[in-house]
Amino acid sequence: MEKILTCIVCPLGCELCIDLEGKEIIEIKGNTCNRGKIYAENECISPKRTVTSTVKCTDGSLLSVKTDQPIPKEKVFDCMKIINQTTATLPVNIGDVIVKDVFGSNIVATQNKN
């Protein structure tokens, strides 16, 4: 099977062509640098995503948050369920952990809020 991806690691946006047999990578073509090769390997074998969202605060306002590490792509909707059930207690500063250990990542604040 052949899979075509556009690398998102740098501004070049190389078109990557990955030859696969099942989940085994046979060959990667089109990458200008090694980062593209690593991106293709990760995207084909174990795709991960950073989740950005908002959580409710005790005062009724919304706080922007994100995962501090990418999580497995198949866990994004489960992560959102956790985020949607969370209420942040103010005050909060950028980087404060709102929820610990969500699929190997923490949910952290991306804004200051008093």
PDB file of N, CA and C in Angstrom:
ATOM      1  N   MET A   1       0.852  -1.173   0.000  1.00  0.00           N
ATOM      2  CA  MET A   1       0.000   0.000   0.000  1.00  0.00           C
ATOM      3  C   MET A   1       0.897   1.236   0.000  1.00  0.00           C
ATOM      4  N   GLU A   2       0.451   2.251  -0.685  1.00  0.00           N
ATOM      5  CA  GLU A   2       1.187   3.508  -0.720  1.00  0.00           C
ATOM      6  C   GLU A   2       0.375   4.585  -0.017  1.00  0.00           C
ATOM      7  N   LYS A   3       1.035   5.363   0.833  1.00  0.00           N
ATOM      8  CA  LYS A   3       0.380   6.441   1.551  1.00  0.00           C
ATOM      9  C   LYS A   3       1.120   7.735   1.222  1.00  0.00           C
ATOM     10  N   ILE A   4       0.375   8.791   0.908  1.00  0.00           N
ATOM     11  CA  ILE A   4       0.950  10.094   0.589  1.00  0.00           C
ATOM     12  C   ILE A   4       0.633  11.044   1.740  1.00  0.00           C
ATOM     13  N   LEU A   5       1.652  11.711   2.260  1.00  0.00           N
ATOM     14  CA  LEU A   5       1.503  12.691   3.333  1.00  0.00           C
ATOM     15  C   LEU A   5       2.224  13.970   2.947  1.00  0.00           C
ATOM     16  N   THR A   6       1.786  15.080   3.490  1.00  0.00           N
ATOM     17  CA  THR A   6       2.536  16.318   3.407  1.00  0.00           C
ATOM     18  C   THR A   6       3.165  16.542   4.762  1.00  0.00           C
ATOM     19  N   CYS A   7       4.479  16.663   4.788  1.00  0.00           N
ATOM     20  CA  CYS A   7       5.195  16.861   6.047  1.00  0.00           C
ATOM     21  C   CYS A   7       4.840  18.229   6.627  1.00  0.00           C
ATOM     22  N   ILE A   8       4.587  18.278   7.924  1.00  0.00           N
ATOM     23  CA  ILE A   8       4.220  19.530   8.596  1.00  0.00           C
ATOM     24  C   ILE A   8       5.280  19.974   9.602  1.00  0.00           C
ATOM     25  N   VAL A   9       6.452  19.344   9.562  1.00  0.00           N
ATOM     26  CA  VAL A   9       7.481  19.643  10.556  1.00  0.00           C
ATOM     27  C   VAL A   9       8.157  20.979  10.284  1.00  0.00           C
ATOM     28  N   CYS A  10       8.366  21.321   9.023  1.00  0.00           N
ATOM     29  CA  CYS A  10       9.012  22.598   8.693  1.00  0.00           C
ATOM     30  C   CYS A  10       8.256  23.260   7.540  1.00  0.00           C
ATOM     31  N   PRO A  11       8.605  24.485   7.187  1.00  0.00           N
ATOM     32  CA  PRO A  11       7.878  25.211   6.134  1.00  0.00           C
ATOM     33  C   PRO A  11       8.010  24.626   4.724  1.00  0.00           C
ATOM     34  N   LEU A  12       8.922  23.702   4.478  1.00  0.00           N
ATOM     35  CA  LEU A  12       9.080  23.159   3.128  1.00  0.00           C
ATOM     36  C   LEU A  12       7.854  22.376   2.668  1.00  0.00           C
ATOM     37  N   GLY A  13       7.181  21.700   3.582  1.00  0.00           N
ATOM     38  CA  GLY A  13       5.977  20.942   3.241  1.00  0.00           C
ATOM     39  C   GLY A  13       6.225  19.858   2.207  1.00  0.00           C
ATOM     40  N   CYS A  14       7.253  19.065   2.417  1.00  0.00           N
ATOM     41  CA  CYS A  14       7.606  18.000   1.469  1.00  0.00           C
ATOM     42  C   CYS A  14       6.446  17.017   1.305  1.00  0.00           C
ATOM     43  N   GLU A  15       6.240  16.561   0.063  1.00  0.00           N
ATOM     44  CA  GLU A  15       5.278  15.499  -0.182  1.00  0.00           C
ATOM     45  C   GLU A  15       5.993  14.175   0.033  1.00  0.00           C
ATOM     46  N   LEU A  16       5.503  13.414   0.996  1.00  0.00           N
ATOM     47  CA  LEU A  16       6.132  12.152   1.363  1.00  0.00           C
ATOM     48  C   LEU A  16       5.338  10.994   0.785  1.00  0.00           C
ATOM     49  N   CYS A  17       6.038  10.032   0.253  1.00  0.00           N
ATOM     50  CA  CYS A  17       5.426   8.819  -0.276  1.00  0.00           C
ATOM     51  C   CYS A  17       5.942   7.655   0.565  1.00  0.00           C
ATOM     52  N   ILE A  18       5.024   6.991   1.256  1.00  0.00           N
ATOM     53  CA  ILE A  18       5.406   5.915   2.162  1.00  0.00           C
ATOM     54  C   ILE A  18       4.850   4.603   1.605  1.00  0.00           C
ATOM     55  N   ASP A  19       5.740   3.642   1.378  1.00  0.00           N
ATOM     56  CA  ASP A  19       5.329   2.300   0.967  1.00  0.00           C
ATOM     57  C   ASP A  19       5.174   1.453   2.220  1.00  0.00           C
ATOM     58  N   LEU A  20       3.983   0.881   2.403  1.00  0.00           N
ATOM     59  CA  LEU A  20       3.665   0.099   3.598  1.00  0.00           C
ATOM     60  C   LEU A  20       3.256  -1.318   3.223  1.00  0.00           C
ATOM     61  N   GLU A  21       3.618  -2.240   4.086  1.00  0.00           N
ATOM     62  CA  GLU A  21       3.064  -3.594   4.069  1.00  0.00           C
ATOM     63  C   GLU A  21       2.462  -3.802   5.444  1.00  0.00           C
ATOM     64  N   GLY A  22       1.147  -3.703   5.517  1.00  0.00           N
ATOM     65  CA  GLY A  22       0.490  -3.711   6.819  1.00  0.00           C
ATOM     66  C   GLY A  22       0.878  -2.454   7.568  1.00  0.00           C
ATOM     67  N   LYS A  23       1.453  -2.620   8.760  1.00  0.00           N
ATOM     68  CA  LYS A  23       1.936  -1.465   9.537  1.00  0.00           C
ATOM     69  C   LYS A  23       3.450  -1.330   9.453  1.00  0.00           C
ATOM     70  N   GLU A  24       4.074  -2.100   8.555  1.00  0.00           N
ATOM     71  CA  GLU A  24       5.525  -2.036   8.400  1.00  0.00           C
ATOM     72  C   GLU A  24       5.884  -1.105   7.245  1.00  0.00           C
ATOM     73  N   ILE A  25       6.785  -0.165   7.532  1.00  0.00           N
ATOM     74  CA  ILE A  25       7.248   0.775   6.514  1.00  0.00           C
ATOM     75  C   ILE A  25       8.355   0.113   5.703  1.00  0.00           C
ATOM     76  N   ILE A  26       8.157   0.066   4.393  1.00  0.00           N
ATOM     77  CA  ILE A  26       9.143  -0.503   3.485  1.00  0.00           C
ATOM     78  C   ILE A  26      10.095   0.580   2.986  1.00  0.00           C
ATOM     79  N   GLU A  27       9.530   1.751   2.613  1.00  0.00           N
ATOM     80  CA  GLU A  27      10.352   2.833   2.083  1.00  0.00           C
ATOM     81  C   GLU A  27       9.640   4.163   2.261  1.00  0.00           C
ATOM     82  N   ILE A  28      10.435   5.217   2.511  1.00  0.00           N
ATOM     83  CA  ILE A  28       9.927   6.581   2.592  1.00  0.00           C
ATOM     84  C   ILE A  28      10.679   7.396   1.551  1.00  0.00           C
ATOM     85  N   LYS A  29       9.932   8.086   0.698  1.00  0.00           N
ATOM     86  CA  LYS A  29      10.529   8.924  -0.344  1.00  0.00           C
ATOM     87  C   LYS A  29       9.955  10.334  -0.258  1.00  0.00           C
ATOM     88  N   GLY A  30      10.743  11.305  -0.711  1.00  0.00           N
ATOM     89  CA  GLY A  30      10.257  12.679  -0.832  1.00  0.00           C
ATOM     90  C   GLY A  30      10.694  13.611   0.277  1.00  0.00           C
ATOM     91  N   ASN A  31      11.251  13.083   1.355  1.00  0.00           N
ATOM     92  CA  ASN A  31      11.663  13.959   2.450  1.00  0.00           C
ATOM     93  C   ASN A  31      12.995  14.635   2.114  1.00  0.00           C
ATOM     94  N   THR A  32      13.059  15.930   2.412  1.00  0.00           N
ATOM     95  CA  THR A  32      14.283  16.690   2.197  1.00  0.00           C
ATOM     96  C   THR A  32      15.248  16.518   3.364  1.00  0.00           C
ATOM     97  N   CYS A  33      14.691  16.300   4.549  1.00  0.00           N
ATOM     98  CA  CYS A  33      15.539  16.156   5.739  1.00  0.00           C
ATOM     99  C   CYS A  33      15.087  14.946   6.561  1.00  0.00           C
ATOM    100  N   ASN A  34      15.874  14.609   7.562  1.00  0.00           N
ATOM    101  CA  ASN A  34      15.568  13.454   8.409  1.00  0.00           C
ATOM    102  C   ASN A  34      14.310  13.681   9.245  1.00  0.00           C
ATOM    103  N   ARG A  35      13.984  14.943   9.531  1.00  0.00           N
ATOM    104  CA  ARG A  35      12.767  15.214  10.313  1.00  0.00           C
ATOM    105  C   ARG A  35      11.522  14.734   9.571  1.00  0.00           C
ATOM    106  N   GLY A  36      11.539  14.844   8.241  1.00  0.00           N
ATOM    107  CA  GLY A  36      10.419  14.362   7.436  1.00  0.00           C
ATOM    108  C   GLY A  36      10.273  12.856   7.524  1.00  0.00           C
ATOM    109  N   LYS A  37      11.401  12.161   7.540  1.00  0.00           N
ATOM    110  CA  LYS A  37      11.389  10.699   7.670  1.00  0.00           C
ATOM    111  C   LYS A  37      10.789  10.309   9.020  1.00  0.00           C
ATOM    112  N   ILE A  38      11.222  10.973  10.082  1.00  0.00           N
ATOM    113  CA  ILE A  38      10.715  10.688  11.429  1.00  0.00           C
ATOM    114  C   ILE A  38       9.219  10.993  11.510  1.00  0.00           C
ATOM    115  N   TYR A  39       8.801  12.115  10.914  1.00  0.00           N
ATOM    116  CA  TYR A  39       7.386  12.475  10.893  1.00  0.00           C
ATOM    117  C   TYR A  39       6.575  11.377  10.210  1.00  0.00           C
ATOM    118  N   ALA A  40       7.033  10.924   9.043  1.00  0.00           N
ATOM    119  CA  ALA A  40       6.315   9.884   8.292  1.00  0.00           C
ATOM    120  C   ALA A  40       6.210   8.599   9.099  1.00  0.00           C
ATOM    121  N   GLU A  41       7.316   8.208   9.743  1.00  0.00           N
ATOM    122  CA  GLU A  41       7.299   6.991  10.566  1.00  0.00           C
ATOM    123  C   GLU A  41       6.279   7.101  11.685  1.00  0.00           C
ATOM    124  N   ASN A  42       6.312   8.222  12.399  1.00  0.00           N
ATOM    125  CA  ASN A  42       5.385   8.415  13.514  1.00  0.00           C
ATOM    126  C   ASN A  42       3.939   8.477  13.037  1.00  0.00           C
ATOM    127  N   GLU A  43       3.696   9.158  11.940  1.00  0.00           N
ATOM    128  CA  GLU A  43       2.331   9.331  11.442  1.00  0.00           C
ATOM    129  C   GLU A  43       1.746   8.012  10.938  1.00  0.00           C
ATOM    130  N   CYS A  44       2.570   7.156  10.381  1.00  0.00           N
ATOM    131  CA  CYS A  44       2.072   5.873   9.859  1.00  0.00           C
ATOM    132  C   CYS A  44       1.960   4.805  10.940  1.00  0.00           C
ATOM    133  N   ILE A  45       2.867   4.799  11.896  1.00  0.00           N
ATOM    134  CA  ILE A  45       2.910   3.742  12.898  1.00  0.00           C
ATOM    135  C   ILE A  45       2.123   4.113  14.160  1.00  0.00           C
ATOM    136  N   SER A  46       2.309   5.341  14.641  1.00  0.00           N
ATOM    137  CA  SER A  46       1.695   5.742  15.906  1.00  0.00           C
ATOM    138  C   SER A  46       1.367   7.242  15.890  1.00  0.00           C
ATOM    139  N   PRO A  47       0.317   7.646  15.161  1.00  0.00           N
ATOM    140  CA  PRO A  47       0.003   9.072  15.063  1.00  0.00           C
ATOM    141  C   PRO A  47      -0.408   9.669  16.407  1.00  0.00           C
ATOM    142  N   LYS A  48       0.073  10.884  16.657  1.00  0.00           N
ATOM    143  CA  LYS A  48      -0.244  11.601  17.898  1.00  0.00           C
ATOM    144  C   LYS A  48      -0.670  13.016  17.559  1.00  0.00           C
ATOM    145  N   ARG A  49      -1.447  13.615  18.463  1.00  0.00           N
ATOM    146  CA  ARG A  49      -1.932  14.973  18.267  1.00  0.00           C
ATOM    147  C   ARG A  49      -1.868  15.752  19.578  1.00  0.00           C
ATOM    148  N   THR A  50      -1.605  17.051  19.467  1.00  0.00           N
ATOM    149  CA  THR A  50      -1.761  17.966  20.593  1.00  0.00           C
ATOM    150  C   THR A  50      -3.206  18.438  20.571  1.00  0.00           C
ATOM    151  N   VAL A  51      -3.864  18.400  21.720  1.00  0.00           N
ATOM    152  CA  VAL A  51      -5.264  18.806  21.820  1.00  0.00           C
ATOM    153  C   VAL A  51      -5.324  20.200  22.421  1.00  0.00           C
ATOM    154  N   THR A  52      -6.060  21.099  21.775  1.00  0.00           N
ATOM    155  CA  THR A  52      -6.304  22.434  22.325  1.00  0.00           C
ATOM    156  C   THR A  52      -7.808  22.600  22.500  1.00  0.00           C
ATOM    157  N   SER A  53      -8.194  23.232  23.607  1.00  0.00           N
ATOM    158  CA  SER A  53      -9.614  23.389  23.900  1.00  0.00           C
ATOM    159  C   SER A  53      -9.796  24.460  24.966  1.00  0.00           C
ATOM    160  N   THR A  54     -10.957  24.456  25.598  1.00  0.00           N
ATOM    161  CA  THR A  54     -11.235  25.334  26.727  1.00  0.00           C
ATOM    162  C   THR A  54     -11.902  24.519  27.834  1.00  0.00           C
ATOM    163  N   VAL A  55     -11.708  24.976  29.070  1.00  0.00           N
ATOM    164  CA  VAL A  55     -12.425  24.401  30.207  1.00  0.00           C
ATOM    165  C   VAL A  55     -13.190  25.515  30.907  1.00  0.00           C
ATOM    166  N   LYS A  56     -14.267  25.145  31.582  1.00  0.00           N
ATOM    167  CA  LYS A  56     -15.036  26.110  32.359  1.00  0.00           C
ATOM    168  C   LYS A  56     -14.270  26.453  33.624  1.00  0.00           C
ATOM    169  N   CYS A  57     -14.428  27.686  34.054  1.00  0.00           N
ATOM    170  CA  CYS A  57     -13.840  28.144  35.322  1.00  0.00           C
ATOM    171  C   CYS A  57     -14.947  28.270  36.356  1.00  0.00           C
ATOM    172  N   THR A  58     -14.538  28.332  37.616  1.00  0.00           N
ATOM    173  CA  THR A  58     -15.509  28.429  38.710  1.00  0.00           C
ATOM    174  C   THR A  58     -16.363  29.691  38.612  1.00  0.00           C
ATOM    175  N   ASP A  59     -15.856  30.747  37.936  1.00  0.00           N
ATOM    176  CA  ASP A  59     -16.635  31.981  37.785  1.00  0.00           C
ATOM    177  C   ASP A  59     -17.509  31.972  36.536  1.00  0.00           C
ATOM    178  N   GLY A  60     -17.536  30.866  35.794  1.00  0.00           N
ATOM    179  CA  GLY A  60     -18.364  30.755  34.598  1.00  0.00           C
ATOM    180  C   GLY A  60     -17.655  31.106  33.300  1.00  0.00           C
ATOM    181  N   SER A  61     -16.463  31.671  33.386  1.00  0.00           N
ATOM    182  CA  SER A  61     -15.720  32.021  32.167  1.00  0.00           C
ATOM    183  C   SER A  61     -15.021  30.783  31.608  1.00  0.00           C
ATOM    184  N   LEU A  62     -14.377  30.948  30.465  1.00  0.00           N
ATOM    185  CA  LEU A  62     -13.650  29.852  29.831  1.00  0.00           C
ATOM    186  C   LEU A  62     -12.156  30.111  29.886  1.00  0.00           C
ATOM    187  N   LEU A  63     -11.385  29.041  30.036  1.00  0.00           N
ATOM    188  CA  LEU A  63      -9.926  29.081  30.092  1.00  0.00           C
ATOM    189  C   LEU A  63      -9.380  28.238  28.953  1.00  0.00           C
ATOM    190  N   SER A  64      -8.474  28.794  28.155  1.00  0.00           N
ATOM    191  CA  SER A  64      -7.876  28.004  27.078  1.00  0.00           C
ATOM    192  C   SER A  64      -6.830  27.057  27.666  1.00  0.00           C
ATOM    193  N   VAL A  65      -6.821  25.824  27.145  1.00  0.00           N
ATOM    194  CA  VAL A  65      -5.930  24.772  27.635  1.00  0.00           C
ATOM    195  C   VAL A  65      -5.399  23.964  26.449  1.00  0.00           C
ATOM    196  N   LYS A  66      -4.370  23.151  26.729  1.00  0.00           N
ATOM    197  CA  LYS A  66      -3.855  22.219  25.727  1.00  0.00           C
ATOM    198  C   LYS A  66      -3.150  21.080  26.436  1.00  0.00           C
ATOM    199  N   THR A  67      -2.906  20.003  25.693  1.00  0.00           N
ATOM    200  CA  THR A  67      -2.077  18.935  26.227  1.00  0.00           C
ATOM    201  C   THR A  67      -0.628  19.388  26.138  1.00  0.00           C
ATOM    202  N   ASP A  68       0.170  19.081  27.168  1.00  0.00           N
ATOM    203  CA  ASP A  68       1.567  19.518  27.127  1.00  0.00           C
ATOM    204  C   ASP A  68       2.454  18.577  26.323  1.00  0.00           C
ATOM    205  N   GLN A  69       1.909  17.423  25.939  1.00  0.00           N
ATOM    206  CA  GLN A  69       2.571  16.457  25.059  1.00  0.00           C
ATOM    207  C   GLN A  69       1.516  15.916  24.097  1.00  0.00           C
ATOM    208  N   PRO A  70       1.901  15.589  22.883  1.00  0.00           N
ATOM    209  CA  PRO A  70       0.919  14.952  21.995  1.00  0.00           C
ATOM    210  C   PRO A  70       0.445  13.623  22.582  1.00  0.00           C
ATOM    211  N   ILE A  71      -0.817  13.302  22.335  1.00  0.00           N
ATOM    212  CA  ILE A  71      -1.394  12.044  22.808  1.00  0.00           C
ATOM    213  C   ILE A  71      -1.756  11.178  21.595  1.00  0.00           C
ATOM    214  N   PRO A  72      -1.945   9.871  21.805  1.00  0.00           N
ATOM    215  CA  PRO A  72      -2.338   9.027  20.678  1.00  0.00           C
ATOM    216  C   PRO A  72      -3.613   9.560  20.013  1.00  0.00           C
ATOM    217  N   LYS A  73      -3.591   9.613  18.685  1.00  0.00           N
ATOM    218  CA  LYS A  73      -4.710  10.166  17.926  1.00  0.00           C
ATOM    219  C   LYS A  73      -6.038   9.516  18.297  1.00  0.00           C
ATOM    220  N   GLU A  74      -6.031   8.207  18.556  1.00  0.00           N
ATOM    221  CA  GLU A  74      -7.282   7.515  18.867  1.00  0.00           C
ATOM    222  C   GLU A  74      -7.839   7.879  20.243  1.00  0.00           C
ATOM    223  N   LYS A  75      -7.079   8.612  21.055  1.00  0.00           N
ATOM    224  CA  LYS A  75      -7.527   9.010  22.396  1.00  0.00           C
ATOM    225  C   LYS A  75      -8.032  10.456  22.446  1.00  0.00           C
ATOM    226  N   VAL A  76      -8.039  11.168  21.310  1.00  0.00           N
ATOM    227  CA  VAL A  76      -8.429  12.580  21.303  1.00  0.00           C
ATOM    228  C   VAL A  76      -9.848  12.776  21.821  1.00  0.00           C
ATOM    229  N   PHE A  77     -10.804  11.974  21.372  1.00  0.00           N
ATOM    230  CA  PHE A  77     -12.192  12.151  21.813  1.00  0.00           C
ATOM    231  C   PHE A  77     -12.352  11.820  23.293  1.00  0.00           C
ATOM    232  N   ASP A  78     -11.624  10.815  23.789  1.00  0.00           N
ATOM    233  CA  ASP A  78     -11.651  10.507  25.221  1.00  0.00           C
ATOM    234  C   ASP A  78     -11.050  11.653  26.029  1.00  0.00           C
ATOM    235  N   CYS A  79      -9.996  12.251  25.503  1.00  0.00           N
ATOM    236  CA  CYS A  79      -9.381  13.416  26.154  1.00  0.00           C
ATOM    237  C   CYS A  79     -10.384  14.569  26.229  1.00  0.00           C
ATOM    238  N   MET A  80     -11.116  14.790  25.153  1.00  0.00           N
ATOM    239  CA  MET A  80     -12.112  15.873  25.144  1.00  0.00           C
ATOM    240  C   MET A  80     -13.225  15.630  26.154  1.00  0.00           C
ATOM    241  N   LYS A  81     -13.606  14.383  26.368  1.00  0.00           N
ATOM    242  CA  LYS A  81     -14.610  14.076  27.392  1.00  0.00           C
ATOM    243  C   LYS A  81     -14.102  14.500  28.768  1.00  0.00           C
ATOM    244  N   ILE A  82     -12.834  14.218  29.034  1.00  0.00           N
ATOM    245  CA  ILE A  82     -12.228  14.611  30.317  1.00  0.00           C
ATOM    246  C   ILE A  82     -12.187  16.126  30.439  1.00  0.00           C
ATOM    247  N   ILE A  83     -11.758  16.800  29.388  1.00  0.00           N
ATOM    248  CA  ILE A  83     -11.691  18.266  29.404  1.00  0.00           C
ATOM    249  C   ILE A  83     -13.081  18.859  29.638  1.00  0.00           C
ATOM    250  N   ASN A  84     -14.092  18.324  28.968  1.00  0.00           N
ATOM    251  CA  ASN A  84     -15.451  18.856  29.095  1.00  0.00           C
ATOM    252  C   ASN A  84     -16.052  18.648  30.480  1.00  0.00           C
ATOM    253  N   GLN A  85     -15.505  17.707  31.255  1.00  0.00           N
ATOM    254  CA  GLN A  85     -15.999  17.459  32.608  1.00  0.00           C
ATOM    255  C   GLN A  85     -15.193  18.213  33.669  1.00  0.00           C
ATOM    256  N   THR A  86     -14.230  19.023  33.237  1.00  0.00           N
ATOM    257  CA  THR A  86     -13.312  19.692  34.158  1.00  0.00           C
ATOM    258  C   THR A  86     -13.739  21.132  34.408  1.00  0.00           C
ATOM    259  N   THR A  87     -13.570  21.572  35.655  1.00  0.00           N
ATOM    260  CA  THR A  87     -13.764  22.970  36.022  1.00  0.00           C
ATOM    261  C   THR A  87     -12.482  23.461  36.682  1.00  0.00           C
ATOM    262  N   ALA A  88     -11.950  24.570  36.178  1.00  0.00           N
ATOM    263  CA  ALA A  88     -10.710  25.136  36.712  1.00  0.00           C
ATOM    264  C   ALA A  88     -11.024  26.125  37.824  1.00  0.00           C
ATOM    265  N   THR A  89     -10.229  26.066  38.885  1.00  0.00           N
ATOM    266  CA  THR A  89     -10.363  26.988  40.008  1.00  0.00           C
ATOM    267  C   THR A  89      -9.384  28.138  39.804  1.00  0.00           C
ATOM    268  N   LEU A  90      -9.899  29.353  39.829  1.00  0.00           N
ATOM    269  CA  LEU A  90      -9.068  30.544  39.621  1.00  0.00           C
ATOM    270  C   LEU A  90      -8.379  30.946  40.916  1.00  0.00           C
ATOM    271  N   PRO A  91      -7.249  31.620  40.855  1.00  0.00           N
ATOM    272  CA  PRO A  91      -6.521  32.104  39.687  1.00  0.00           C
ATOM    273  C   PRO A  91      -5.695  30.995  39.031  1.00  0.00           C
ATOM    274  N   VAL A  92      -5.388  31.190  37.741  1.00  0.00           N
ATOM    275  CA  VAL A  92      -4.613  30.241  36.955  1.00  0.00           C
ATOM    276  C   VAL A  92      -3.573  31.014  36.154  1.00  0.00           C
ATOM    277  N   ASN A  93      -2.379  30.431  36.038  1.00  0.00           N
ATOM    278  CA  ASN A  93      -1.319  31.024  35.234  1.00  0.00           C
ATOM    279  C   ASN A  93      -0.955  30.094  34.085  1.00  0.00           C
ATOM    280  N   ILE A  94      -0.399  30.665  33.028  1.00  0.00           N
ATOM    281  CA  ILE A  94       0.054  29.868  31.885  1.00  0.00           C
ATOM    282  C   ILE A  94       0.963  28.749  32.384  1.00  0.00           C
ATOM    283  N   GLY A  95       0.689  27.545  31.930  1.00  0.00           N
ATOM    284  CA  GLY A  95       1.503  26.390  32.300  1.00  0.00           C
ATOM    285  C   GLY A  95       1.006  25.629  33.514  1.00  0.00           C
ATOM    286  N   ASP A  96       0.068  26.207  34.267  1.00  0.00           N
ATOM    287  CA  ASP A  96      -0.490  25.478  35.411  1.00  0.00           C
ATOM    288  C   ASP A  96      -1.184  24.207  34.925  1.00  0.00           C
ATOM    289  N   VAL A  97      -0.970  23.121  35.653  1.00  0.00           N
ATOM    290  CA  VAL A  97      -1.607  21.848  35.299  1.00  0.00           C
ATOM    291  C   VAL A  97      -3.054  21.877  35.780  1.00  0.00           C
ATOM    292  N   ILE A  98      -3.971  21.679  34.851  1.00  0.00           N
ATOM    293  CA  ILE A  98      -5.407  21.668  35.160  1.00  0.00           C
ATOM    294  C   ILE A  98      -5.871  20.238  35.421  1.00  0.00           C
ATOM    295  N   VAL A  99      -5.376  19.281  34.614  1.00  0.00           N
ATOM    296  CA  VAL A  99      -5.669  17.856  34.806  1.00  0.00           C
ATOM    297  C   VAL A  99      -4.366  17.090  34.591  1.00  0.00           C
ATOM    298  N   LYS A 100      -4.000  16.242  35.560  1.00  0.00           N
ATOM    299  CA  LYS A 100      -2.768  15.452  35.456  1.00  0.00           C
ATOM    300  C   LYS A 100      -2.994  14.140  34.719  1.00  0.00           C
ATOM    301  N   ASP A 101      -1.968  13.706  34.014  1.00  0.00           N
ATOM    302  CA  ASP A 101      -1.857  12.388  33.388  1.00  0.00           C
ATOM    303  C   ASP A 101      -3.087  11.971  32.592  1.00  0.00           C
ATOM    304  N   VAL A 102      -3.289  12.650  31.503  1.00  0.00           N
ATOM    305  CA  VAL A 102      -4.340  12.298  30.558  1.00  0.00           C
ATOM    306  C   VAL A 102      -3.659  11.647  29.356  1.00  0.00           C
ATOM    307  N   PHE A 103      -3.648  10.327  29.324  1.00  0.00           N
ATOM    308  CA  PHE A 103      -3.019   9.559  28.246  1.00  0.00           C
ATOM    309  C   PHE A 103      -1.560   9.950  28.034  1.00  0.00           C
ATOM    310  N   GLY A 104      -0.843  10.113  29.146  1.00  0.00           N
ATOM    311  CA  GLY A 104       0.586  10.425  29.086  1.00  0.00           C
ATOM    312  C   GLY A 104       0.906  11.897  28.980  1.00  0.00           C
ATOM    313  N   SER A 105      -0.068  12.744  29.082  1.00  0.00           N
ATOM    314  CA  SER A 105       0.115  14.188  28.983  1.00  0.00           C
ATOM    315  C   SER A 105      -0.637  14.859  30.125  1.00  0.00           C
ATOM    316  N   ASN A 106      -0.331  16.117  30.360  1.00  0.00           N
ATOM    317  CA  ASN A 106      -1.098  16.932  31.300  1.00  0.00           C
ATOM    318  C   ASN A 106      -1.887  17.957  30.501  1.00  0.00           C
ATOM    319  N   ILE A 107      -3.056  18.321  31.010  1.00  0.00           N
ATOM    320  CA  ILE A 107      -3.816  19.425  30.427  1.00  0.00           C
ATOM    321  C   ILE A 107      -3.357  20.683  31.158  1.00  0.00           C
ATOM    322  N   VAL A 108      -2.802  21.646  30.415  1.00  0.00           N
ATOM    323  CA  VAL A 108      -2.244  22.848  31.033  1.00  0.00           C
ATOM    324  C   VAL A 108      -2.938  24.103  30.505  1.00  0.00           C
ATOM    325  N   ALA A 109      -2.925  25.138  31.342  1.00  0.00           N
ATOM    326  CA  ALA A 109      -3.497  26.433  30.954  1.00  0.00           C
ATOM    327  C   ALA A 109      -2.603  27.103  29.924  1.00  0.00           C
ATOM    328  N   THR A 110      -3.230  27.767  28.961  1.00  0.00           N
ATOM    329  CA  THR A 110      -2.469  28.519  27.971  1.00  0.00           C
ATOM    330  C   THR A 110      -2.753  30.016  28.072  1.00  0.00           C
ATOM    331  N   GLN A 111      -3.334  30.410  29.204  1.00  0.00           N
ATOM    332  CA  GLN A 111      -3.553  31.837  29.455  1.00  0.00           C
ATOM    333  C   GLN A 111      -3.596  32.071  30.963  1.00  0.00           C
ATOM    334  N   ASN A 112      -3.329  33.316  31.336  1.00  0.00           N
ATOM    335  CA  ASN A 112      -3.453  33.724  32.736  1.00  0.00           C
ATOM    336  C   ASN A 112      -4.901  34.159  32.959  1.00  0.00           C
ATOM    337  N   LYS A 113      -5.446  33.833  34.127  1.00  0.00           N
ATOM    338  CA  LYS A 113      -6.815  34.211  34.434  1.00  0.00           C
ATOM    339  C   LYS A 113      -6.945  34.397  35.934  1.00  0.00           C
ATOM    340  N   ASN A 114      -7.466  35.548  36.346  1.00  0.00           N
ATOM    341  CA  ASN A 114      -7.657  35.843  37.769  1.00  0.00           C
ATOM    342  C   ASN A 114      -9.083  35.647  38.200  1.00  0.00           C
TER     343      ASN A 114
END
